[in-house]
Amino acid sequence: MTTTTTIRSPPRSCRSRRRRAARRRRRTRRSSRWR
């Protein structure tokens, strides 16, 4: 699924991906603490 999103990722999506990445990173960090 991520590969398809990257292929269909226009220059505007680049900003959306960064914002989503920041949210995913925060979730991963919380998961790491839980682990």
PDB file of N, CA and C in Angstrom:
ATOM      1  N   MET A   1       0.840  -1.206   0.000  1.00  0.00           N
ATOM      2  CA  MET A   1       0.000   0.000   0.000  1.00  0.00           C
ATOM      3  C   MET A   1       0.885   1.271   0.000  1.00  0.00           C
ATOM      4  N   THR A   2       1.926   1.241   0.765  1.00  0.00           N
ATOM      5  CA  THR A   2       2.798   2.463   0.789  1.00  0.00           C
ATOM      6  C   THR A   2       3.430   2.665  -0.594  1.00  0.00           C
ATOM      7  N   THR A   3       3.787   1.576  -1.233  1.00  0.00           N
ATOM      8  CA  THR A   3       4.425   1.751  -2.574  1.00  0.00           C
ATOM      9  C   THR A   3       3.426   2.429  -3.519  1.00  0.00           C
ATOM     10  N   THR A   4       2.231   1.988  -3.501  1.00  0.00           N
ATOM     11  CA  THR A   4       1.237   2.614  -4.427  1.00  0.00           C
ATOM     12  C   THR A   4       1.082   4.096  -4.074  1.00  0.00           C
ATOM     13  N   THR A   5       1.033   4.385  -2.839  1.00  0.00           N
ATOM     14  CA  THR A   5       0.870   5.824  -2.453  1.00  0.00           C
ATOM     15  C   THR A   5       2.081   6.611  -2.949  1.00  0.00           C
ATOM     16  N   THR A   6       3.226   6.037  -2.818  1.00  0.00           N
ATOM     17  CA  THR A   6       4.438   6.783  -3.268  1.00  0.00           C
ATOM     18  C   THR A   6       4.375   6.981  -4.792  1.00  0.00           C
ATOM     19  N   ILE A   7       3.975   5.973  -5.488  1.00  0.00           N
ATOM     20  CA  ILE A   7       3.929   6.115  -6.982  1.00  0.00           C
ATOM     21  C   ILE A   7       2.894   7.192  -7.339  1.00  0.00           C
ATOM     22  N   ARG A   8       1.807   7.218  -6.641  1.00  0.00           N
ATOM     23  CA  ARG A   8       0.717   8.223  -6.950  1.00  0.00           C
ATOM     24  C   ARG A   8       0.915   9.394  -5.992  1.00  0.00           C
ATOM     25  N   SER A   9       2.104   9.737  -5.756  1.00  0.00           N
ATOM     26  CA  SER A   9       2.319  10.861  -4.791  1.00  0.00           C
ATOM     27  C   SER A   9       2.776  12.114  -5.530  1.00  0.00           C
ATOM     28  N   PRO A  10       1.901  13.005  -5.858  1.00  0.00           N
ATOM     29  CA  PRO A  10       2.298  14.238  -6.575  1.00  0.00           C
ATOM     30  C   PRO A  10       3.139  15.159  -5.683  1.00  0.00           C
ATOM     31  N   PRO A  11       3.651  16.240  -6.190  1.00  0.00           N
ATOM     32  CA  PRO A  11       4.513  17.137  -5.396  1.00  0.00           C
ATOM     33  C   PRO A  11       3.746  17.684  -4.181  1.00  0.00           C
ATOM     34  N   ARG A  12       2.494  17.731  -4.233  1.00  0.00           N
ATOM     35  CA  ARG A  12       1.697  18.265  -3.073  1.00  0.00           C
ATOM     36  C   ARG A  12       1.634  17.174  -2.015  1.00  0.00           C
ATOM     37  N   SER A  13       1.569  15.997  -2.465  1.00  0.00           N
ATOM     38  CA  SER A  13       1.489  14.893  -1.455  1.00  0.00           C
ATOM     39  C   SER A  13       2.785  14.891  -0.618  1.00  0.00           C
ATOM     40  N   CYS A  14       3.832  15.357  -1.189  1.00  0.00           N
ATOM     41  CA  CYS A  14       5.146  15.350  -0.419  1.00  0.00           C
ATOM     42  C   CYS A  14       4.905  16.024   0.932  1.00  0.00           C
ATOM     43  N   ARG A  15       4.183  17.050   0.955  1.00  0.00           N
ATOM     44  CA  ARG A  15       3.964  17.781   2.267  1.00  0.00           C
ATOM     45  C   ARG A  15       3.053  16.913   3.116  1.00  0.00           C
ATOM     46  N   SER A  16       2.078  16.360   2.507  1.00  0.00           N
ATOM     47  CA  SER A  16       1.144  15.521   3.321  1.00  0.00           C
ATOM     48  C   SER A  16       1.922  14.329   3.889  1.00  0.00           C
ATOM     49  N   ARG A  17       2.783  13.788   3.117  1.00  0.00           N
ATOM     50  CA  ARG A  17       3.588  12.572   3.596  1.00  0.00           C
ATOM     51  C   ARG A  17       4.424  13.036   4.796  1.00  0.00           C
ATOM     52  N   ARG A  18       4.939  14.128   4.717  1.00  0.00           N
ATOM     53  CA  ARG A  18       5.849  14.592   5.874  1.00  0.00           C
ATOM     54  C   ARG A  18       4.959  14.730   7.103  1.00  0.00           C
ATOM     55  N   ARG A  19       3.856  15.267   6.928  1.00  0.00           N
ATOM     56  CA  ARG A  19       2.970  15.468   8.145  1.00  0.00           C
ATOM     57  C   ARG A  19       2.523  14.102   8.633  1.00  0.00           C
ATOM     58  N   ARG A  20       2.257  13.263   7.744  1.00  0.00           N
ATOM     59  CA  ARG A  20       1.798  11.880   8.185  1.00  0.00           C
ATOM     60  C   ARG A  20       2.983  11.171   8.834  1.00  0.00           C
ATOM     61  N   ALA A  21       4.105  11.347   8.266  1.00  0.00           N
ATOM     62  CA  ALA A  21       5.325  10.665   8.837  1.00  0.00           C
ATOM     63  C   ALA A  21       5.500  11.163  10.284  1.00  0.00           C
ATOM     64  N   ALA A  22       5.295  12.425  10.501  1.00  0.00           N
ATOM     65  CA  ALA A  22       5.505  12.957  11.882  1.00  0.00           C
ATOM     66  C   ALA A  22       4.493  12.265  12.812  1.00  0.00           C
ATOM     67  N   ARG A  23       3.360  12.060  12.337  1.00  0.00           N
ATOM     68  CA  ARG A  23       2.318  11.402  13.224  1.00  0.00           C
ATOM     69  C   ARG A  23       2.701   9.956  13.430  1.00  0.00           C
ATOM     70  N   ARG A  24       3.124   9.353  12.408  1.00  0.00           N
ATOM     71  CA  ARG A  24       3.519   7.884  12.538  1.00  0.00           C
ATOM     72  C   ARG A  24       4.720   7.811  13.467  1.00  0.00           C
ATOM     73  N   ARG A  25       5.580   8.683  13.352  1.00  0.00           N
ATOM     74  CA  ARG A  25       6.843   8.645  14.218  1.00  0.00           C
ATOM     75  C   ARG A  25       6.373   8.790  15.669  1.00  0.00           C
ATOM     76  N   ARG A  26       5.488   9.625  15.899  1.00  0.00           N
ATOM     77  CA  ARG A  26       5.059   9.821  17.329  1.00  0.00           C
ATOM     78  C   ARG A  26       4.396   8.538  17.792  1.00  0.00           C
ATOM     79  N   ARG A  27       3.707   7.934  16.957  1.00  0.00           N
ATOM     80  CA  ARG A  27       3.010   6.652  17.375  1.00  0.00           C
ATOM     81  C   ARG A  27       4.071   5.585  17.611  1.00  0.00           C
ATOM     82  N   THR A  28       5.008   5.552  16.745  1.00  0.00           N
ATOM     83  CA  THR A  28       6.084   4.509  16.917  1.00  0.00           C
ATOM     84  C   THR A  28       6.805   4.779  18.237  1.00  0.00           C
ATOM     85  N   ARG A  29       7.024   5.949  18.521  1.00  0.00           N
ATOM     86  CA  ARG A  29       7.804   6.273  19.797  1.00  0.00           C
ATOM     87  C   ARG A  29       6.941   5.799  20.964  1.00  0.00           C
ATOM     88  N   ARG A  30       5.732   6.001  20.896  1.00  0.00           N
ATOM     89  CA  ARG A  30       4.863   5.565  22.044  1.00  0.00           C
ATOM     90  C   ARG A  30       4.874   4.049  22.085  1.00  0.00           C
ATOM     91  N   SER A  31       4.827   3.468  20.975  1.00  0.00           N
ATOM     92  CA  SER A  31       4.843   1.966  20.949  1.00  0.00           C
ATOM     93  C   SER A  31       6.171   1.483  21.556  1.00  0.00           C
ATOM     94  N   SER A  32       7.214   2.154  21.237  1.00  0.00           N
ATOM     95  CA  SER A  32       8.563   1.718  21.754  1.00  0.00           C
ATOM     96  C   SER A  32       8.522   1.779  23.283  1.00  0.00           C
ATOM     97  N   ARG A  33       7.917   2.725  23.804  1.00  0.00           N
ATOM     98  CA  ARG A  33       7.901   2.860  25.308  1.00  0.00           C
ATOM     99  C   ARG A  33       7.038   1.752  25.851  1.00  0.00           C
ATOM    100  N   TRP A  34       5.980   1.473  25.180  1.00  0.00           N
ATOM    101  CA  TRP A  34       5.088   0.390  25.671  1.00  0.00           C
ATOM    102  C   TRP A  34       5.864  -0.925  25.643  1.00  0.00           C
ATOM    103  N   ARG A  35       6.667  -1.110  24.650  1.00  0.00           N
ATOM    104  CA  ARG A  35       7.402  -2.389  24.469  1.00  0.00           C
ATOM    105  C   ARG A  35       8.376  -2.519  25.575  1.00  0.00           C
TER     106      ARG A  35
END
